[in-house]
Each structure stands twice: as C-alpha cells, then as structure tokens.
Amino acid sequence: MQQVQRRSLVDTVVDEMKREIATGNWQVGDRIPSEAELTAQLGVSRPSVREAVRSLVQLGLLETRQGDGTYVVATDATQVALRRALHTADRREVILVRKALDALAAGAAAEQRSDADLEFLAAQLRARSAAIRDGDVATFTDADVAFHLGVARISGNRLLSDIYASFDHSLRESITDASCLARGDDPDRADQHETLYQAIAAGDPEAARNAALGVLDQQERLLDASE
C-alpha cells in the first residue's frame, strides 16, 4: 500500500470556492471577491488563492477578465467537460446521442406536462414561426433551442435536463448552419416540431417519441445535403 497523501492547501481552497458556487452564494455572472479579500476570508496565502482560482478557470467554472476581475461562468465542471467534448465531436455522433435523449425526454414530457408547460412550448413555436417570416436567424435559433430544452425540462428528469443543457452549443450550430434559413424556409419541412407539440399536449408518449426522432431525421437529411 502507498502512503496516504495529505490534501494540499490549494485543494482545500478549491473545495471551498466550489462550495460557494454550488450553494448559489456565487452565481453565474457574479464577480467573485478579489484575491486580497479571499486571502483574508480563507486565512491562506495569496499564492494558494491564486492557484485555486487558476484551477477553477481550467475547469471552466471561472473566467478571469483582464482588468475587471474573475467571474463565475458555470456551476458544473462535468457539464463544462461534456460541452467541450460535444464541441469537437462529429455531428453525426451528436445526432445519434440526441436521438436517445430526445426520445426519452419527449415521451416523459407527454406524461408530465402541465398547462403552463404547454403554453411555454407553444410560445416558442410562435416565436419560431415569426422569426422565419422576418428572416431573423438569431431569434429563430433562440426559440428553437428553448423549445428543445423546454421538452427536456418538462420531462421532470433533472439529470436528463442537465445533460441535455450541455447540447446548447451543438443545437445552435445545427440550426444556424441550415442554409434554408437564409432563404426564409423552415429547416423542419415536415413540421415535426408542431407534431411533437401536439403529441405532448395529447399526452401520447409514443407519438411524442416518434416526432422527436423525426426532427432529428430531418437534421440528418440537412447534414447530408450540405456535404
């Protein structure tokens, strides 16, 4: 057996700072206390604080902005790592993984949805349609992503919702890269988003799963057409 190594002071500081983020004392967008303030609050040396901050920056939880301080940019290091992996993953692999997640989320959403949930999804579809008419790619993207994230949230499965949130960047890429948007056309030519909404509203898990897969089948066809 190897000797048990004592935890370093830096590790202890990292854990304390992670706890501030996890408990919501430091929220995304907040500027954390200065190095001098942290040194006084934690009772440790400046080099220990500096190294701990550097570690959390590397994990993707903090971001140092020159001349402005250090800010919280994420709360979950695992989610950050997943987002980084998704950013470099092959698009077809992403779609394949999303098929499993989307089908699961859609089926559960059909069983768990409330009137407020349905109104939220309907509002995203209305915003999506209006953006197509206006040729507003940014608004279209926001509404489409919000719709899919909303389905995952409505599923009632917090872990699924958190994992799905990691797909935010890849979702936006797949939407804004659809060339038909520039022509004012809906990339979902088969109107599967509306079909998915109606299935969730009707409380039909099987129909919801099929519609969710239909949305991704359409994305695969668009990917084929772009290559």
C-alpha atoms as a PDB file:
ATOM      1  CA  MET A   1       0.000   0.000   0.000  1.00  0.00           C
ATOM      2  CA  GLN A   2       1.064   3.559  -0.674  1.00  0.00           C
ATOM      3  CA  GLN A   3       1.155   6.204   1.977  1.00  0.00           C
ATOM      4  CA  VAL A   4      -1.973   8.363   2.099  1.00  0.00           C
ATOM      5  CA  GLN A   5      -1.185  11.822   0.823  1.00  0.00           C
ATOM      6  CA  ARG A   6      -2.438  14.765   2.831  1.00  0.00           C
ATOM      7  CA  ARG A   7      -4.707  17.144   0.948  1.00  0.00           C
ATOM      8  CA  SER A   8      -2.911  20.239  -0.182  1.00  0.00           C
ATOM      9  CA  LEU A   9      -3.993  23.666   0.974  1.00  0.00           C
ATOM     10  CA  VAL A  10      -4.850  24.556  -2.615  1.00  0.00           C
ATOM     11  CA  ASP A  11      -7.249  21.586  -2.859  1.00  0.00           C
ATOM     12  CA  THR A  12      -8.986  22.785   0.290  1.00  0.00           C
ATOM     13  CA  VAL A  13      -9.343  26.305  -1.133  1.00  0.00           C
ATOM     14  CA  VAL A  14     -10.697  24.882  -4.405  1.00  0.00           C
ATOM     15  CA  ASP A  15     -13.312  22.908  -2.478  1.00  0.00           C
ATOM     16  CA  GLU A  16     -14.362  25.982  -0.512  1.00  0.00           C
ATOM     17  CA  MET A  17     -14.753  28.013  -3.699  1.00  0.00           C
ATOM     18  CA  LYS A  18     -16.665  25.204  -5.398  1.00  0.00           C
ATOM     19  CA  ARG A  19     -18.989  25.150  -2.395  1.00  0.00           C
ATOM     20  CA  GLU A  20     -19.698  28.859  -2.806  1.00  0.00           C
ATOM     21  CA  ILE A  21     -20.699  28.178  -6.423  1.00  0.00           C
ATOM     22  CA  ALA A  22     -22.713  25.028  -5.669  1.00  0.00           C
ATOM     23  CA  THR A  23     -24.723  26.674  -2.897  1.00  0.00           C
ATOM     24  CA  GLY A  24     -25.542  29.689  -5.055  1.00  0.00           C
ATOM     25  CA  ASN A  25     -23.606  32.180  -2.942  1.00  0.00           C
ATOM     26  CA  TRP A  26     -21.634  32.815  -6.119  1.00  0.00           C
ATOM     27  CA  GLN A  27     -23.966  32.656  -9.105  1.00  0.00           C
ATOM     28  CA  VAL A  28     -23.220  32.602 -12.817  1.00  0.00           C
ATOM     29  CA  GLY A  29     -22.368  36.150 -13.843  1.00  0.00           C
ATOM     30  CA  ASP A  30     -21.143  37.169 -10.378  1.00  0.00           C
ATOM     31  CA  ARG A  31     -17.684  38.600  -9.868  1.00  0.00           C
ATOM     32  CA  ILE A  32     -16.007  36.703  -7.059  1.00  0.00           C
ATOM     33  CA  PRO A  33     -14.135  38.504  -4.234  1.00  0.00           C
ATOM     34  CA  SER A  34     -10.701  39.832  -5.061  1.00  0.00           C
ATOM     35  CA  GLU A  35      -7.552  37.873  -4.342  1.00  0.00           C
ATOM     36  CA  ALA A  36      -6.893  40.029  -1.272  1.00  0.00           C
ATOM     37  CA  GLU A  37     -10.440  39.503   0.009  1.00  0.00           C
ATOM     38  CA  LEU A  38     -10.270  35.739  -0.492  1.00  0.00           C
ATOM     39  CA  THR A  39      -6.926  35.614   1.268  1.00  0.00           C
ATOM     40  CA  ALA A  40      -8.434  37.337   4.304  1.00  0.00           C
ATOM     41  CA  GLN A  41     -11.672  35.329   4.277  1.00  0.00           C
ATOM     42  CA  LEU A  42      -9.989  31.931   3.920  1.00  0.00           C
ATOM     43  CA  GLY A  43      -6.944  32.656   6.046  1.00  0.00           C
ATOM     44  CA  VAL A  44      -4.494  31.383   3.435  1.00  0.00           C
ATOM     45  CA  SER A  45      -1.677  32.857   1.388  1.00  0.00           C
ATOM     46  CA  ARG A  46      -2.173  34.712  -1.882  1.00  0.00           C
ATOM     47  CA  PRO A  47      -0.291  32.041  -3.896  1.00  0.00           C
ATOM     48  CA  SER A  48      -2.740  29.396  -2.604  1.00  0.00           C
ATOM     49  CA  VAL A  49      -5.720  31.531  -3.640  1.00  0.00           C
ATOM     50  CA  ARG A  50      -4.127  32.306  -6.995  1.00  0.00           C
ATOM     51  CA  GLU A  51      -3.505  28.622  -7.739  1.00  0.00           C
ATOM     52  CA  ALA A  52      -7.038  27.674  -6.669  1.00  0.00           C
ATOM     53  CA  VAL A  53      -8.536  30.303  -8.976  1.00  0.00           C
ATOM     54  CA  ARG A  54      -6.328  29.054 -11.807  1.00  0.00           C
ATOM     55  CA  SER A  55      -7.602  25.509 -11.223  1.00  0.00           C
ATOM     56  CA  LEU A  56     -11.236  26.602 -11.381  1.00  0.00           C
ATOM     57  CA  VAL A  57     -10.559  28.595 -14.541  1.00  0.00           C
ATOM     58  CA  GLN A  58      -9.115  25.456 -16.143  1.00  0.00           C
ATOM     59  CA  LEU A  59     -12.216  23.520 -15.064  1.00  0.00           C
ATOM     60  CA  GLY A  60     -14.356  26.113 -16.817  1.00  0.00           C
ATOM     61  CA  LEU A  61     -16.170  27.344 -13.705  1.00  0.00           C
ATOM     62  CA  LEU A  62     -14.433  30.715 -13.521  1.00  0.00           C
ATOM     63  CA  GLU A  63     -13.224  33.206 -16.118  1.00  0.00           C
ATOM     64  CA  THR A  64     -10.604  35.866 -15.460  1.00  0.00           C
ATOM     65  CA  ARG A  65     -11.179  39.125 -17.337  1.00  0.00           C
ATOM     66  CA  GLN A  66      -8.162  41.369 -17.643  1.00  0.00           C
ATOM     67  CA  GLY A  67      -8.579  44.481 -15.554  1.00  0.00           C
ATOM     68  CA  ASP A  68     -12.083  43.534 -14.431  1.00  0.00           C
ATOM     69  CA  GLY A  69     -11.765  40.576 -12.072  1.00  0.00           C
ATOM     70  CA  THR A  70     -12.802  36.926 -12.056  1.00  0.00           C
ATOM     71  CA  TYR A  71     -16.363  35.820 -12.816  1.00  0.00           C
ATOM     72  CA  VAL A  72     -18.427  32.665 -12.350  1.00  0.00           C
ATOM     73  CA  VAL A  73     -19.305  31.296 -15.802  1.00  0.00           C
ATOM     74  CA  ALA A  74     -20.580  27.797 -14.936  1.00  0.00           C
ATOM     75  CA  THR A  75     -21.689  25.775 -11.926  1.00  0.00           C
ATOM     76  CA  ASP A  76     -20.971  22.204 -13.009  1.00  0.00           C
ATOM     77  CA  ALA A  77     -17.497  21.111 -14.107  1.00  0.00           C
ATOM     78  CA  THR A  78     -18.884  17.854 -15.533  1.00  0.00           C
ATOM     79  CA  GLN A  79     -21.293  19.758 -17.741  1.00  0.00           C
ATOM     80  CA  VAL A  80     -18.458  22.022 -18.896  1.00  0.00           C
ATOM     81  CA  ALA A  81     -16.370  18.973 -19.840  1.00  0.00           C
ATOM     82  CA  LEU A  82     -19.309  17.482 -21.742  1.00  0.00           C
ATOM     83  CA  ARG A  83     -19.842  20.714 -23.633  1.00  0.00           C
ATOM     84  CA  ARG A  84     -16.189  20.773 -24.617  1.00  0.00           C
ATOM     85  CA  ALA A  85     -16.414  17.179 -25.846  1.00  0.00           C
ATOM     86  CA  LEU A  86     -19.571  17.953 -27.822  1.00  0.00           C
ATOM     87  CA  HIS A  87     -17.903  20.971 -29.401  1.00  0.00           C
ATOM     88  CA  THR A  88     -15.290  18.743 -31.067  1.00  0.00           C
ATOM     89  CA  ALA A  89     -17.483  15.680 -31.650  1.00  0.00           C
ATOM     90  CA  ASP A  90     -18.615  14.505 -35.069  1.00  0.00           C
ATOM     91  CA  ARG A  91     -22.072  15.912 -35.840  1.00  0.00           C
ATOM     92  CA  ARG A  92     -23.492  12.535 -36.722  1.00  0.00           C
ATOM     93  CA  GLU A  93     -22.386  11.171 -33.374  1.00  0.00           C
ATOM     94  CA  VAL A  94     -24.070  14.111 -31.654  1.00  0.00           C
ATOM     95  CA  ILE A  95     -27.315  13.440 -33.528  1.00  0.00           C
ATOM     96  CA  LEU A  96     -27.160   9.756 -32.604  1.00  0.00           C
ATOM     97  CA  VAL A  97     -26.791  10.584 -28.898  1.00  0.00           C
ATOM     98  CA  ARG A  98     -29.522  13.204 -29.148  1.00  0.00           C
ATOM     99  CA  LYS A  99     -31.900  10.630 -30.619  1.00  0.00           C
ATOM    100  CA  ALA A 100     -31.714   8.647 -27.407  1.00  0.00           C
ATOM    101  CA  LEU A 101     -32.076  11.717 -25.192  1.00  0.00           C
ATOM    102  CA  ASP A 102     -34.791  13.418 -27.261  1.00  0.00           C
ATOM    103  CA  ALA A 103     -36.932  10.296 -27.442  1.00  0.00           C
ATOM    104  CA  LEU A 104     -36.650   9.789 -23.689  1.00  0.00           C
ATOM    105  CA  ALA A 105     -37.405  13.441 -22.934  1.00  0.00           C
ATOM    106  CA  ALA A 106     -40.349  13.647 -25.339  1.00  0.00           C
ATOM    107  CA  GLY A 107     -42.011  10.507 -24.000  1.00  0.00           C
ATOM    108  CA  ALA A 108     -41.675  11.664 -20.400  1.00  0.00           C
ATOM    109  CA  ALA A 109     -42.805  15.204 -21.256  1.00  0.00           C
ATOM    110  CA  ALA A 110     -46.028  13.804 -22.717  1.00  0.00           C
ATOM    111  CA  GLU A 111     -46.740  12.205 -19.353  1.00  0.00           C
ATOM    112  CA  GLN A 112     -45.625  15.077 -17.124  1.00  0.00           C
ATOM    113  CA  ARG A 113     -46.686  18.251 -18.980  1.00  0.00           C
ATOM    114  CA  SER A 114     -48.814  20.924 -17.357  1.00  0.00           C
ATOM    115  CA  ASP A 115     -50.880  23.685 -18.930  1.00  0.00           C
ATOM    116  CA  ALA A 116     -48.080  26.147 -18.187  1.00  0.00           C
ATOM    117  CA  ASP A 117     -45.560  23.823 -19.857  1.00  0.00           C
ATOM    118  CA  LEU A 118     -47.706  23.587 -22.981  1.00  0.00           C
ATOM    119  CA  GLU A 119     -48.060  27.360 -23.141  1.00  0.00           C
ATOM    120  CA  PHE A 120     -44.281  27.730 -22.908  1.00  0.00           C
ATOM    121  CA  LEU A 121     -43.708  25.299 -25.801  1.00  0.00           C
ATOM    122  CA  ALA A 122     -46.460  26.932 -27.871  1.00  0.00           C
ATOM    123  CA  ALA A 123     -44.872  30.354 -27.303  1.00  0.00           C
ATOM    124  CA  GLN A 124     -41.522  29.073 -28.611  1.00  0.00           C
ATOM    125  CA  LEU A 125     -43.191  27.682 -31.724  1.00  0.00           C
ATOM    126  CA  ARG A 126     -44.951  31.008 -32.325  1.00  0.00           C
ATOM    127  CA  ALA A 127     -41.656  32.875 -31.925  1.00  0.00           C
ATOM    128  CA  ARG A 128     -40.005  30.357 -34.239  1.00  0.00           C
ATOM    129  CA  SER A 129     -42.616  30.889 -36.960  1.00  0.00           C
ATOM    130  CA  ALA A 130     -42.475  34.679 -36.636  1.00  0.00           C
ATOM    131  CA  ALA A 131     -38.681  34.608 -36.940  1.00  0.00           C
ATOM    132  CA  ILE A 132     -38.932  32.619 -40.179  1.00  0.00           C
ATOM    133  CA  ARG A 133     -41.308  35.209 -41.637  1.00  0.00           C
ATOM    134  CA  ASP A 134     -38.979  38.023 -40.540  1.00  0.00           C
ATOM    135  CA  GLY A 135     -35.812  36.261 -41.681  1.00  0.00           C
ATOM    136  CA  ASP A 136     -34.434  36.634 -38.137  1.00  0.00           C
ATOM    137  CA  VAL A 137     -31.967  33.762 -37.736  1.00  0.00           C
ATOM    138  CA  ALA A 138     -30.898  34.751 -34.197  1.00  0.00           C
ATOM    139  CA  THR A 139     -34.454  34.804 -32.844  1.00  0.00           C
ATOM    140  CA  PHE A 140     -35.295  31.593 -34.690  1.00  0.00           C
ATOM    141  CA  THR A 141     -32.296  29.896 -33.096  1.00  0.00           C
ATOM    142  CA  ASP A 142     -33.173  31.119 -29.603  1.00  0.00           C
ATOM    143  CA  ALA A 143     -36.774  29.902 -29.925  1.00  0.00           C
ATOM    144  CA  ASP A 144     -35.830  26.531 -31.404  1.00  0.00           C
ATOM    145  CA  VAL A 145     -33.219  25.830 -28.733  1.00  0.00           C
ATOM    146  CA  ALA A 146     -35.614  26.965 -25.981  1.00  0.00           C
ATOM    147  CA  PHE A 147     -38.258  24.580 -27.342  1.00  0.00           C
ATOM    148  CA  HIS A 148     -35.955  21.552 -27.179  1.00  0.00           C
ATOM    149  CA  LEU A 149     -34.511  22.476 -23.787  1.00  0.00           C
ATOM    150  CA  GLY A 150     -38.077  23.014 -22.620  1.00  0.00           C
ATOM    151  CA  VAL A 151     -39.107  19.496 -23.623  1.00  0.00           C
ATOM    152  CA  ALA A 152     -36.177  18.111 -21.623  1.00  0.00           C
ATOM    153  CA  ARG A 153     -37.105  20.229 -18.599  1.00  0.00           C
ATOM    154  CA  ILE A 154     -40.776  19.236 -18.802  1.00  0.00           C
ATOM    155  CA  SER A 155     -39.751  15.565 -18.716  1.00  0.00           C
ATOM    156  CA  GLY A 156     -39.320  16.012 -14.972  1.00  0.00           C
ATOM    157  CA  ASN A 157     -35.973  14.200 -15.070  1.00  0.00           C
ATOM    158  CA  ARG A 158     -33.477  16.676 -13.659  1.00  0.00           C
ATOM    159  CA  LEU A 159     -30.426  14.655 -14.690  1.00  0.00           C
ATOM    160  CA  LEU A 160     -31.714  14.344 -18.242  1.00  0.00           C
ATOM    161  CA  SER A 161     -32.444  18.055 -18.341  1.00  0.00           C
ATOM    162  CA  ASP A 162     -28.949  18.917 -17.074  1.00  0.00           C
ATOM    163  CA  ILE A 163     -27.283  16.619 -19.601  1.00  0.00           C
ATOM    164  CA  TYR A 164     -29.405  17.983 -22.412  1.00  0.00           C
ATOM    165  CA  ALA A 165     -28.455  21.535 -21.473  1.00  0.00           C
ATOM    166  CA  SER A 166     -24.905  20.595 -22.455  1.00  0.00           C
ATOM    167  CA  PHE A 167     -26.098  20.357 -26.052  1.00  0.00           C
ATOM    168  CA  ASP A 168     -26.912  24.061 -26.190  1.00  0.00           C
ATOM    169  CA  HIS A 169     -23.923  24.930 -28.401  1.00  0.00           C
ATOM    170  CA  SER A 170     -24.340  21.985 -30.775  1.00  0.00           C
ATOM    171  CA  LEU A 171     -28.066  22.743 -31.054  1.00  0.00           C
ATOM    172  CA  ARG A 172     -27.301  26.300 -32.093  1.00  0.00           C
ATOM    173  CA  GLU A 173     -24.686  25.149 -34.590  1.00  0.00           C
ATOM    174  CA  SER A 174     -27.045  22.685 -36.241  1.00  0.00           C
ATOM    175  CA  ILE A 175     -29.727  25.369 -36.585  1.00  0.00           C
ATOM    176  CA  THR A 176     -27.689  28.354 -37.754  1.00  0.00           C
ATOM    177  CA  ASP A 177     -25.807  26.200 -40.267  1.00  0.00           C
ATOM    178  CA  ALA A 178     -29.052  25.250 -42.024  1.00  0.00           C
ATOM    179  CA  SER A 179     -28.759  27.140 -45.323  1.00  0.00           C
ATOM    180  CA  CYS A 180     -32.524  27.160 -45.897  1.00  0.00           C
ATOM    181  CA  LEU A 181     -32.919  29.676 -43.062  1.00  0.00           C
ATOM    182  CA  ALA A 182     -31.188  32.283 -45.195  1.00  0.00           C
ATOM    183  CA  ARG A 183     -33.962  31.772 -47.762  1.00  0.00           C
ATOM    184  CA  GLY A 184     -36.679  32.188 -45.154  1.00  0.00           C
ATOM    185  CA  ASP A 185     -37.561  28.479 -45.139  1.00  0.00           C
ATOM    186  CA  ASP A 186     -38.166  26.289 -42.090  1.00  0.00           C
ATOM    187  CA  PRO A 187     -35.488  23.559 -41.830  1.00  0.00           C
ATOM    188  CA  ASP A 188     -38.227  21.315 -40.413  1.00  0.00           C
ATOM    189  CA  ARG A 189     -40.096  20.909 -43.691  1.00  0.00           C
ATOM    190  CA  ALA A 190     -42.213  18.053 -42.304  1.00  0.00           C
ATOM    191  CA  ASP A 191     -43.384  20.260 -39.407  1.00  0.00           C
ATOM    192  CA  GLN A 192     -42.251  17.694 -36.839  1.00  0.00           C
ATOM    193  CA  HIS A 193     -41.910  20.374 -34.151  1.00  0.00           C
ATOM    194  CA  GLU A 194     -45.652  21.015 -34.328  1.00  0.00           C
ATOM    195  CA  THR A 195     -46.298  17.266 -34.384  1.00  0.00           C
ATOM    196  CA  LEU A 196     -44.125  16.870 -31.303  1.00  0.00           C
ATOM    197  CA  TYR A 197     -46.001  19.650 -29.523  1.00  0.00           C
ATOM    198  CA  GLN A 198     -49.381  18.134 -30.358  1.00  0.00           C
ATOM    199  CA  ALA A 199     -48.272  14.691 -29.143  1.00  0.00           C
ATOM    200  CA  ILE A 200     -47.052  16.133 -25.831  1.00  0.00           C
ATOM    201  CA  ALA A 201     -50.277  18.121 -25.468  1.00  0.00           C
ATOM    202  CA  ALA A 202     -52.309  14.970 -26.156  1.00  0.00           C
ATOM    203  CA  GLY A 203     -50.336  13.025 -23.552  1.00  0.00           C
ATOM    204  CA  ASP A 204     -49.216  10.459 -26.141  1.00  0.00           C
ATOM    205  CA  PRO A 205     -45.676   9.291 -25.246  1.00  0.00           C
ATOM    206  CA  GLU A 206     -45.206   7.047 -28.291  1.00  0.00           C
ATOM    207  CA  ALA A 207     -46.257   9.731 -30.755  1.00  0.00           C
ATOM    208  CA  ALA A 208     -44.027  12.233 -28.954  1.00  0.00           C
ATOM    209  CA  ARG A 209     -41.018   9.920 -29.191  1.00  0.00           C
ATOM    210  CA  ASN A 210     -41.643   9.344 -32.911  1.00  0.00           C
ATOM    211  CA  ALA A 211     -41.956  13.068 -33.581  1.00  0.00           C
ATOM    212  CA  ALA A 212     -38.757  13.827 -31.658  1.00  0.00           C
ATOM    213  CA  LEU A 213     -36.907  11.283 -33.783  1.00  0.00           C
ATOM    214  CA  GLY A 214     -38.492  12.807 -36.873  1.00  0.00           C
ATOM    215  CA  VAL A 215     -36.974  16.185 -36.050  1.00  0.00           C
ATOM    216  CA  LEU A 216     -33.510  14.627 -35.884  1.00  0.00           C
ATOM    217  CA  ASP A 217     -34.058  12.567 -39.039  1.00  0.00           C
ATOM    218  CA  GLN A 218     -34.718  15.881 -40.801  1.00  0.00           C
ATOM    219  CA  GLN A 219     -31.480  17.300 -39.369  1.00  0.00           C
ATOM    220  CA  GLU A 220     -29.588  14.287 -40.703  1.00  0.00           C
ATOM    221  CA  ARG A 221     -31.020  14.905 -44.143  1.00  0.00           C
ATOM    222  CA  LEU A 222     -29.972  18.546 -43.993  1.00  0.00           C
ATOM    223  CA  LEU A 223     -26.482  17.451 -42.975  1.00  0.00           C
ATOM    224  CA  ASP A 224     -26.344  15.046 -45.911  1.00  0.00           C
ATOM    225  CA  ALA A 225     -27.442  17.803 -48.275  1.00  0.00           C
ATOM    226  CA  SER A 226     -24.739  20.175 -47.009  1.00  0.00           C
ATOM    227  CA  GLU A 227     -21.885  17.727 -47.567  1.00  0.00           C
END
